[in-house]
Amino acid sequence: MNGLGWLEMNDRSWLARRDPRLKLAWLAVLSLASVLIESREGLYLLFAVALLVAICLRLTARTWIVIGAILTTTAWGTVFSQALFFIGDRSTPHITLIAPRTVGTFEFSGLQLWRDGAMFGLLQSLRLLAVTLAGLSVCLSTGPQRLLAALVAVRVPMAVSFMAIAALRFLPTIVGEWATVRRSCRLRGYRPQPWRAPWKTASMEMALLAPVVAASLRRAATLATSLASRGFDATRPRTTYPALRMTSADLTLFLVLVAMAVALSTLKSFHWLAVARYVCLSGFEPFYDWISRWL
């Protein structure tokens, strides 16, 4: 099991053997691409690349079920919000939840789910899904200790790096404690009824967080005491074992990722300048059309 607890890490895959700094570079480049790419084809390609890398981890069926649930929840939230609050070119609403009506001088435009908004949200969710897959690929192929060493190696402050890894490490513990508290309440007769008694259910669910927060505070105090007793000092340099070392393959892939990031930023800048009419070179129309299609 990896640091996420409820996801199984594959430490024998090809990606797991790569230098963690290379994985951070891969995550950074894909995040940059998810921001710069706007075309439909480009977003499809971006998601496909992230999915291909995740498939190469050779994860178990149980892990893929959890990842699928995470991706589905992420996509559903984006699709539903865009379908409900879409402000672009609207066609006939797909579903009308509340019909438009007039109350005195107030005109209520109604509440509809727009099909155009849902399709737009589905397309835009590919950005989030690609970054989520890339982040999970890094976490599921890298142990917390190696990830901490990589963050420190790329000049992230030690205090920030340790805080991030500690949060990642204790996340499954917090989820497990919340599940235990909820299971205990159900054994005592608690039954959530979000449709019949929404406010009562919501208040009860919020009350379930109190023991989880209390346990988290106690754990944080214990961790702080443990670090202080061991002489932990975030301002002093630390050594790692085994030491981080890039192989020739890792270095080659790292340079390829850097070149891709530079090329993507340059091409997108040319596209923005061409759209703004600042730079419009004759004879480069096919080049601009290619950028518009894929970026």
Protein backbone atom coordinates (compact mmCIF):
# COMPACT_ATOMS: atom_id res chain seq x y z
CA MET A 1 0.00 0.00 0.00
CA ASN A 2 1.21 3.50 -0.73
CA GLY A 3 0.88 6.74 1.19
CA LEU A 4 -2.75 7.13 0.15
CA GLY A 5 -3.65 3.96 2.00
CA TRP A 6 -6.75 3.03 0.02
CA LEU A 7 -4.81 2.89 -3.26
CA GLU A 8 -2.20 0.24 -3.98
CA MET A 9 1.20 1.44 -5.15
CA ASN A 10 3.06 -0.48 -7.82
CA ASP A 11 6.75 -0.13 -6.97
CA ARG A 12 7.86 -2.51 -9.71
CA SER A 13 6.58 -0.63 -12.74
CA TRP A 14 8.83 1.27 -15.12
CA LEU A 15 7.55 4.59 -13.85
CA ALA A 16 8.27 3.66 -10.23
CA ARG A 17 11.95 3.20 -11.07
CA ARG A 18 12.30 6.69 -12.49
CA ASP A 19 13.80 9.58 -10.56
CA PRO A 20 11.10 11.41 -8.55
CA ARG A 21 12.34 14.76 -9.88
CA LEU A 22 11.49 13.55 -13.38
CA LYS A 23 7.96 12.71 -12.21
CA LEU A 24 7.55 16.19 -10.74
CA ALA A 25 8.69 17.65 -14.06
CA TRP A 26 6.13 15.47 -15.87
CA LEU A 27 3.39 16.71 -13.54
CA ALA A 28 4.47 20.33 -14.01
CA VAL A 29 4.55 20.08 -17.81
CA LEU A 30 1.15 18.38 -17.98
CA SER A 31 -0.31 21.02 -15.65
CA LEU A 32 1.09 23.74 -17.90
CA ALA A 33 -0.40 22.03 -20.94
CA SER A 34 -3.80 21.73 -19.24
CA VAL A 35 -3.83 25.52 -18.80
CA LEU A 36 -2.57 26.48 -22.26
CA ILE A 37 -4.43 23.98 -24.45
CA GLU A 38 -7.92 25.10 -25.44
CA SER A 39 -8.85 23.02 -28.51
CA ARG A 40 -11.03 19.94 -28.35
CA GLU A 41 -8.47 17.71 -30.06
CA GLY A 42 -5.67 18.94 -27.84
CA LEU A 43 -7.62 18.24 -24.64
CA TYR A 44 -8.52 14.77 -25.87
CA LEU A 45 -4.86 14.09 -26.61
CA LEU A 46 -3.78 15.48 -23.23
CA PHE A 47 -6.19 13.19 -21.37
CA ALA A 48 -5.16 10.21 -23.50
CA VAL A 49 -1.48 10.75 -22.69
CA ALA A 50 -2.18 11.02 -18.95
CA LEU A 51 -4.35 7.89 -19.10
CA LEU A 52 -1.67 5.98 -21.01
CA VAL A 53 0.94 6.81 -18.38
CA ALA A 54 -1.44 5.68 -15.62
CA ILE A 55 -2.14 2.42 -17.47
CA CYS A 56 1.58 1.72 -17.63
CA LEU A 57 1.58 1.48 -13.82
CA ARG A 58 -0.25 -1.87 -14.11
CA LEU A 59 -2.52 -1.15 -11.18
CA THR A 60 -4.97 -3.62 -9.72
CA ALA A 61 -8.68 -3.68 -10.54
CA ARG A 62 -9.53 -2.39 -7.04
CA THR A 63 -7.26 0.60 -7.50
CA TRP A 64 -8.79 1.38 -10.89
CA ILE A 65 -12.27 1.27 -9.36
CA VAL A 66 -11.24 3.91 -6.81
CA ILE A 67 -9.56 6.03 -9.50
CA GLY A 68 -12.63 5.70 -11.71
CA ALA A 69 -14.83 6.92 -8.86
CA ILE A 70 -12.56 9.93 -8.31
CA LEU A 71 -12.54 10.82 -12.01
CA THR A 72 -16.30 10.33 -12.37
CA THR A 73 -17.01 12.57 -9.38
CA THR A 74 -14.69 15.26 -10.73
CA ALA A 75 -16.21 15.17 -14.22
CA TRP A 76 -19.77 15.11 -12.88
CA GLY A 77 -19.24 18.20 -10.77
CA THR A 78 -17.87 20.15 -13.73
CA VAL A 79 -20.58 18.94 -16.13
CA PHE A 80 -23.45 19.67 -13.75
CA SER A 81 -22.20 23.12 -12.76
CA GLN A 82 -21.68 24.16 -16.38
CA ALA A 83 -25.04 22.74 -17.44
CA LEU A 84 -26.73 24.72 -14.68
CA PHE A 85 -24.88 28.04 -14.97
CA PHE A 86 -23.79 28.06 -18.61
CA ILE A 87 -23.66 31.61 -20.00
CA GLY A 88 -22.42 30.93 -23.53
CA ASP A 89 -24.48 30.47 -26.68
CA ARG A 90 -27.53 28.61 -25.43
CA SER A 91 -29.84 26.40 -27.43
CA THR A 92 -33.02 24.74 -26.22
CA PRO A 93 -32.59 23.66 -22.57
CA HIS A 94 -32.36 19.91 -22.20
CA ILE A 95 -34.18 19.75 -18.85
CA THR A 96 -36.26 22.44 -17.15
CA LEU A 97 -36.11 22.14 -13.38
CA ILE A 98 -38.14 25.25 -12.54
CA ALA A 99 -40.22 27.00 -15.21
CA PRO A 100 -39.83 30.77 -15.68
CA ARG A 101 -42.40 32.82 -13.82
CA THR A 102 -43.22 36.38 -12.84
CA VAL A 103 -43.97 37.37 -9.26
CA GLY A 104 -45.17 40.94 -9.18
CA THR A 105 -42.43 43.03 -10.75
CA PHE A 106 -39.82 40.32 -10.31
CA GLU A 107 -39.15 38.09 -13.30
CA PHE A 108 -37.60 34.72 -12.52
CA SER A 109 -35.86 33.23 -15.55
CA GLY A 110 -36.27 29.70 -14.28
CA LEU A 111 -33.75 26.98 -13.72
CA GLN A 112 -32.67 24.83 -16.63
CA LEU A 113 -29.99 22.33 -17.48
CA TRP A 114 -28.41 23.37 -20.76
CA ARG A 115 -27.08 20.66 -23.04
CA ASP A 116 -24.49 23.02 -24.52
CA GLY A 117 -23.23 23.77 -21.03
CA ALA A 118 -22.99 20.08 -20.18
CA MET A 119 -20.92 19.38 -23.30
CA PHE A 120 -18.71 22.38 -22.54
CA GLY A 121 -18.26 21.18 -18.95
CA LEU A 122 -17.39 17.68 -20.13
CA LEU A 123 -14.72 19.08 -22.43
CA GLN A 124 -13.29 21.36 -19.76
CA SER A 125 -13.27 18.54 -17.22
CA LEU A 126 -10.61 16.84 -19.32
CA ARG A 127 -8.14 19.38 -17.91
CA LEU A 128 -8.93 18.35 -14.34
CA LEU A 129 -9.02 14.65 -15.20
CA ALA A 130 -5.64 14.78 -16.92
CA VAL A 131 -3.98 16.58 -13.99
CA THR A 132 -5.68 14.24 -11.51
CA LEU A 133 -4.42 11.18 -13.39
CA ALA A 134 -0.92 12.64 -13.56
CA GLY A 135 -0.92 13.42 -9.84
CA LEU A 136 -2.18 9.95 -8.96
CA SER A 137 0.44 8.40 -11.24
CA VAL A 138 3.17 10.25 -9.37
CA CYS A 139 1.78 9.36 -5.93
CA LEU A 140 1.16 5.72 -6.81
CA SER A 141 4.67 5.24 -8.14
CA THR A 142 6.63 7.18 -5.52
CA GLY A 143 6.98 6.61 -1.80
CA PRO A 144 6.54 9.53 0.61
CA GLN A 145 10.25 9.56 1.50
CA ARG A 146 11.36 9.78 -2.13
CA LEU A 147 8.75 12.40 -2.90
CA LEU A 148 9.96 14.49 0.04
CA ALA A 149 13.55 14.20 -1.18
CA ALA A 150 12.48 15.29 -4.67
CA LEU A 151 10.63 18.36 -3.39
CA VAL A 152 13.65 19.40 -1.34
CA ALA A 153 15.93 18.78 -4.32
CA VAL A 154 13.93 21.18 -6.50
CA ARG A 155 14.36 23.92 -3.86
CA VAL A 156 10.95 23.69 -2.23
CA PRO A 157 11.42 24.79 1.42
CA MET A 158 11.84 21.83 3.74
CA ALA A 159 9.04 22.99 6.06
CA VAL A 160 6.58 23.22 3.15
CA SER A 161 7.71 19.90 1.67
CA PHE A 162 7.40 18.08 4.98
CA MET A 163 3.98 19.60 5.64
CA ALA A 164 2.72 18.49 2.21
CA ILE A 165 4.03 14.94 2.57
CA ALA A 166 2.69 14.66 6.12
CA ALA A 167 -0.75 15.75 4.91
CA LEU A 168 -0.59 13.17 2.11
CA ARG A 169 0.56 10.51 4.54
CA PHE A 170 -2.17 11.06 7.13
CA LEU A 171 -5.02 11.61 4.67
CA PRO A 172 -6.02 7.90 4.62
CA THR A 173 -5.84 7.82 8.42
CA ILE A 174 -8.31 10.71 8.66
CA VAL A 175 -10.63 9.06 6.12
CA GLY A 176 -10.45 5.80 8.07
CA GLU A 177 -11.28 7.53 11.36
CA TRP A 178 -14.25 9.29 9.79
CA ALA A 179 -15.52 5.95 8.45
CA THR A 180 -15.11 4.39 11.89
CA VAL A 181 -17.04 7.20 13.59
CA ARG A 182 -19.80 7.00 11.02
CA ARG A 183 -20.01 3.22 11.35
CA SER A 184 -20.25 3.55 15.13
CA CYS A 185 -23.13 6.00 14.81
CA ARG A 186 -24.96 3.70 12.40
CA LEU A 187 -24.64 0.85 14.89
CA ARG A 188 -26.33 3.12 17.42
CA GLY A 189 -29.29 3.70 15.13
CA TYR A 190 -28.25 6.68 13.00
CA ARG A 191 -29.71 6.53 9.49
CA PRO A 192 -29.02 9.42 7.09
CA GLN A 193 -32.15 10.75 5.38
CA PRO A 194 -30.97 13.49 3.00
CA TRP A 195 -34.32 13.70 1.22
CA ARG A 196 -36.73 13.51 4.16
CA ALA A 197 -34.72 15.43 6.76
CA PRO A 198 -31.92 17.26 4.94
CA TRP A 199 -31.09 19.74 7.70
CA LYS A 200 -31.03 17.09 10.40
CA THR A 201 -28.84 14.85 8.29
CA ALA A 202 -26.47 17.69 7.43
CA SER A 203 -26.13 18.72 11.08
CA MET A 204 -25.46 15.12 12.10
CA GLU A 205 -22.84 14.67 9.38
CA MET A 206 -21.11 17.86 10.54
CA ALA A 207 -21.20 16.60 14.12
CA LEU A 208 -19.41 13.44 13.01
CA LEU A 209 -16.41 15.58 12.09
CA ALA A 210 -15.85 16.72 15.69
CA PRO A 211 -14.14 13.53 16.94
CA VAL A 212 -12.14 13.31 13.70
CA VAL A 213 -10.86 16.88 14.12
CA ALA A 214 -10.04 16.21 17.78
CA ALA A 215 -8.09 13.08 16.88
CA SER A 216 -6.25 14.99 14.13
CA LEU A 217 -5.22 17.70 16.60
CA ARG A 218 -3.94 15.10 19.05
CA ARG A 219 -2.02 13.39 16.26
CA ALA A 220 -0.51 16.69 15.15
CA ALA A 221 0.65 17.42 18.71
CA THR A 222 2.17 13.95 18.98
CA LEU A 223 3.94 14.36 15.66
CA ALA A 224 5.32 17.76 16.68
CA THR A 225 6.61 16.34 19.95
CA SER A 226 8.19 13.42 18.14
CA LEU A 227 9.96 15.70 15.67
CA ALA A 228 11.22 17.98 18.43
CA SER A 229 12.56 15.03 20.45
CA ARG A 230 14.45 13.79 17.40
CA GLY A 231 16.05 17.18 16.78
CA PHE A 232 14.24 17.93 13.53
CA ASP A 233 15.29 21.30 12.10
CA ALA A 234 13.77 22.40 8.80
CA THR A 235 16.49 25.04 8.29
CA ARG A 236 19.37 22.57 8.13
CA PRO A 237 20.26 20.42 5.11
CA ARG A 238 19.27 16.76 5.30
CA THR A 239 20.61 13.67 3.59
CA THR A 240 18.55 10.98 1.87
CA TYR A 241 19.22 7.30 1.37
CA PRO A 242 19.55 6.21 -1.29
CA ALA A 243 20.63 9.49 -2.79
CA LEU A 244 18.68 10.85 -5.74
CA ARG A 245 20.49 10.09 -8.96
CA MET A 246 19.24 10.54 -12.51
CA THR A 247 20.16 7.88 -15.02
CA SER A 248 20.85 8.71 -18.63
CA ALA A 249 17.28 7.70 -19.52
CA ASP A 250 15.88 9.94 -16.79
CA LEU A 251 18.01 12.87 -17.93
CA THR A 252 16.94 12.36 -21.55
CA LEU A 253 13.27 12.31 -20.60
CA PHE A 254 13.76 15.36 -18.40
CA LEU A 255 15.28 17.32 -21.28
CA VAL A 256 12.43 16.19 -23.54
CA LEU A 257 9.88 17.48 -21.01
CA VAL A 258 11.69 20.81 -20.73
CA ALA A 259 11.78 21.11 -24.53
CA MET A 260 8.06 20.32 -24.71
CA ALA A 261 7.25 22.97 -22.11
CA VAL A 262 9.32 25.60 -23.95
CA ALA A 263 7.82 24.64 -27.32
CA LEU A 264 4.27 24.69 -25.98
CA SER A 265 4.73 28.09 -24.36
CA THR A 266 6.34 29.51 -27.50
CA LEU A 267 3.68 28.19 -29.88
CA LYS A 268 0.87 29.42 -27.63
CA SER A 269 2.50 32.85 -27.42
CA PHE A 270 2.67 33.03 -31.23
CA HIS A 271 -0.98 32.08 -31.38
CA TRP A 272 -1.99 34.81 -28.91
CA LEU A 273 0.08 37.40 -30.81
CA ALA A 274 -1.51 36.35 -34.10
CA VAL A 275 -5.02 36.54 -32.65
CA ALA A 276 -4.27 40.00 -31.27
CA ARG A 277 -2.91 41.09 -34.71
CA TYR A 278 0.50 41.94 -33.25
CA VAL A 279 2.33 39.33 -35.32
CA CYS A 280 0.91 38.08 -38.60
CA LEU A 281 3.56 36.62 -40.90
CA SER A 282 2.53 35.93 -44.49
CA GLY A 283 2.96 32.34 -45.59
CA PHE A 284 2.53 30.96 -42.06
CA GLU A 285 -1.24 30.51 -42.29
CA PRO A 286 -1.03 26.67 -42.28
CA PHE A 287 1.17 26.91 -39.19
CA TYR A 288 -1.35 29.14 -37.42
CA ASP A 289 -4.19 26.82 -38.45
CA TRP A 290 -2.32 23.87 -36.96
CA ILE A 291 -1.81 25.73 -33.68
CA SER A 292 -5.48 26.72 -33.59
CA ARG A 293 -6.56 23.10 -34.10
CA TRP A 294 -4.31 21.46 -31.51
CA LEU A 295 -3.69 24.24 -29.00
